[in-house]
């Protein structure tokens, strides 16, 4: 629903109807639709983490692990196209103002853990070749891989 109408264009009435609950029931669990979106993003980030972690845990060498990570990203993109695009957008959460929802903070932390895992993976693969360890990146490795996956799916 959010993918079609956008977050702003989707009402709590529509969400309740689609979910099969009354609007009052939704408000028992969620303060507003932004809280629903934050929960959905957090859940999708956990799935993304699972795909990447599975790729990192399998494979006999760096190339196999890299291939499995890319296949996981493709699967994530196919299952969650809306969230895949959202992950690649700039995340604009103002943590310092205390206005971030708990789910937003949690999703951010999952993203940071993904970046740490990807950083470690890339550094270890680079060291295995005896090359320099600096990539000149800011640590947003999933962002870079995600755009590569997007380019691949857009071209085919």
Protein backbone atom coordinates (compact mmCIF):
# COMPACT_ATOMS: atom_id res chain seq x y z
CA UNK A 1 0.00 0.00 0.00
CA UNK A 2 2.81 2.42 0.89
CA UNK A 3 4.60 1.51 -2.33
CA UNK A 4 1.56 2.54 -4.37
CA UNK A 5 0.25 5.59 -2.49
CA UNK A 6 3.30 6.60 -0.50
CA UNK A 7 3.40 7.09 3.24
CA UNK A 8 1.76 10.51 3.18
CA UNK A 9 -0.96 9.35 0.78
CA UNK A 10 -1.95 6.35 2.91
CA UNK A 11 -4.42 6.87 5.73
CA UNK A 12 -4.81 4.98 9.00
CA UNK A 13 -8.30 4.01 7.79
CA UNK A 14 -6.79 2.35 4.71
CA UNK A 15 -4.13 0.60 6.78
CA UNK A 16 -6.76 -0.72 9.21
CA UNK A 17 -8.97 -1.97 6.38
CA UNK A 18 -6.04 -3.68 4.61
CA UNK A 19 -4.86 -5.27 7.87
CA UNK A 20 -8.35 -6.42 8.82
CA UNK A 21 -8.47 -4.46 12.07
CA UNK A 22 -10.42 -1.48 13.28
CA UNK A 23 -8.70 1.88 13.33
CA UNK A 24 -9.10 1.93 17.13
CA UNK A 25 -7.23 -1.37 17.41
CA UNK A 26 -4.34 0.02 15.37
CA UNK A 27 -4.08 2.99 17.71
CA UNK A 28 -3.78 0.63 20.68
CA UNK A 29 -0.51 -0.66 19.21
CA UNK A 30 0.73 2.28 17.15
CA UNK A 31 0.69 5.99 17.89
CA UNK A 32 0.47 6.89 14.20
CA UNK A 33 1.27 5.57 10.74
CA UNK A 34 4.89 6.66 11.08
CA UNK A 35 5.21 4.16 13.94
CA UNK A 36 3.78 1.46 11.67
CA UNK A 37 6.26 2.36 8.94
CA UNK A 38 9.13 2.37 11.45
CA UNK A 39 8.14 -1.11 12.65
CA UNK A 40 7.91 -2.39 9.06
CA UNK A 41 11.29 -0.88 8.17
CA UNK A 42 12.85 -2.42 11.27
CA UNK A 43 11.46 -5.85 10.37
CA UNK A 44 12.71 -5.55 6.80
CA UNK A 45 16.16 -4.46 8.02
CA UNK A 46 16.30 -7.57 10.21
CA UNK A 47 15.51 -9.65 7.12
CA UNK A 48 18.23 -7.85 5.15
CA UNK A 49 20.65 -8.51 8.00
CA UNK A 50 19.70 -12.19 7.85
CA UNK A 51 20.41 -12.42 4.12
CA UNK A 52 23.78 -10.72 4.48
CA UNK A 53 24.76 -12.68 7.58
CA UNK A 54 23.84 -15.96 5.85
CA UNK A 55 26.04 -14.97 2.91
CA UNK A 56 28.93 -14.12 5.20
CA UNK A 57 28.61 -17.40 7.11
CA UNK A 58 28.57 -19.58 4.01
CA UNK A 59 31.00 -20.07 1.19
CA UNK A 60 34.54 -21.34 1.24
CA UNK A 61 36.20 -18.12 0.15
CA UNK A 62 35.68 -14.40 -0.27
CA UNK A 63 34.29 -14.73 -3.80
CA UNK A 64 31.66 -17.30 -2.79
CA UNK A 65 30.61 -15.20 0.20
CA UNK A 66 30.39 -12.10 -1.98
CA UNK A 67 28.23 -13.97 -4.53
CA UNK A 68 25.94 -15.21 -1.77
CA UNK A 69 25.60 -11.70 -0.33
CA UNK A 70 24.65 -10.39 -3.78
CA UNK A 71 22.09 -13.17 -4.24
CA UNK A 72 20.68 -12.30 -0.81
CA UNK A 73 20.38 -8.66 -1.82
CA UNK A 74 18.60 -9.66 -5.02
CA UNK A 75 16.18 -11.81 -3.02
CA UNK A 76 15.58 -8.95 -0.57
CA UNK A 77 14.98 -6.56 -3.47
CA UNK A 78 12.45 -8.96 -5.00
CA UNK A 79 10.64 -9.64 -1.72
CA UNK A 80 10.68 -6.07 -0.38
CA UNK A 81 11.07 -3.63 -3.30
CA UNK A 82 9.63 -0.71 -1.33
CA UNK A 83 11.98 -1.23 1.60
CA UNK A 84 14.92 -1.99 -0.68
CA UNK A 85 14.48 1.46 -2.22
CA UNK A 86 14.03 2.98 1.23
CA UNK A 87 17.30 1.41 2.44
CA UNK A 88 19.11 3.10 -0.45
CA UNK A 89 17.65 6.51 0.30
CA UNK A 90 19.22 8.87 2.77
CA UNK A 91 17.93 8.07 6.24
CA UNK A 92 16.91 11.30 7.91
CA UNK A 93 16.40 10.56 11.59
CA UNK A 94 17.16 13.27 14.12
CA UNK A 95 18.47 11.24 17.05
CA UNK A 96 19.89 14.24 18.84
CA UNK A 97 16.47 15.89 19.15
CA UNK A 98 14.99 12.84 20.85
CA UNK A 99 12.17 12.59 18.32
CA UNK A 100 13.21 9.24 16.83
CA UNK A 101 10.94 6.29 17.47
CA UNK A 102 12.41 3.22 19.16
CA UNK A 103 11.88 1.23 15.96
CA UNK A 104 13.78 3.87 13.96
CA UNK A 105 16.70 3.67 16.37
CA UNK A 106 16.60 -0.13 16.21
CA UNK A 107 16.53 -0.12 12.38
CA UNK A 108 19.46 2.30 12.37
CA UNK A 109 21.41 -0.01 14.69
CA UNK A 110 20.72 -2.98 12.41
CA UNK A 111 22.05 -0.92 9.49
CA UNK A 112 25.16 -0.06 11.48
CA UNK A 113 25.71 -3.74 12.27
CA UNK A 114 25.35 -4.57 8.57
CA UNK A 115 27.97 -1.92 7.78
CA UNK A 116 30.33 -3.35 10.43
CA UNK A 117 29.95 -6.87 9.05
CA UNK A 118 30.43 -5.72 5.47
CA UNK A 119 33.44 -3.63 6.45
CA UNK A 120 35.06 -6.58 8.17
CA UNK A 121 34.28 -8.84 5.20
CA UNK A 122 35.73 -6.42 2.65
CA UNK A 123 38.80 -5.71 4.75
CA UNK A 124 39.51 -9.41 5.28
CA UNK A 125 39.09 -10.13 1.57
CA UNK A 126 41.38 -7.26 0.69
CA UNK A 127 44.03 -8.35 3.19
CA UNK A 128 43.87 -11.87 1.78
CA UNK A 129 45.09 -10.47 -1.54
CA UNK A 130 47.91 -8.60 0.17
CA UNK A 131 46.58 -5.24 -1.03
CA UNK A 132 46.09 -2.03 0.87
CA UNK A 133 43.22 -2.12 3.35
CA UNK A 134 41.80 1.36 2.70
CA UNK A 135 38.76 1.54 0.42
CA UNK A 136 38.12 5.27 0.65
CA UNK A 137 34.49 4.57 1.61
CA UNK A 138 32.54 6.01 4.48
CA UNK A 139 31.40 2.62 5.77
CA UNK A 140 28.07 2.55 3.93
CA UNK A 141 28.91 -0.68 2.17
CA UNK A 142 25.35 -1.95 1.94
CA UNK A 143 24.47 1.31 0.21
CA UNK A 144 27.12 0.69 -2.43
CA UNK A 145 26.15 -2.95 -2.96
CA UNK A 146 22.49 -2.02 -3.00
CA UNK A 147 23.01 0.44 -5.82
CA UNK A 148 24.92 -2.22 -7.74
CA UNK A 149 21.97 -4.59 -7.30
CA UNK A 150 19.53 -1.86 -8.37
CA UNK A 151 21.60 -1.18 -11.52
CA UNK A 152 21.69 -4.89 -12.28
CA UNK A 153 17.93 -5.36 -11.90
CA UNK A 154 17.15 -2.18 -13.86
CA UNK A 155 19.32 -3.31 -16.78
CA UNK A 156 17.87 -6.79 -17.07
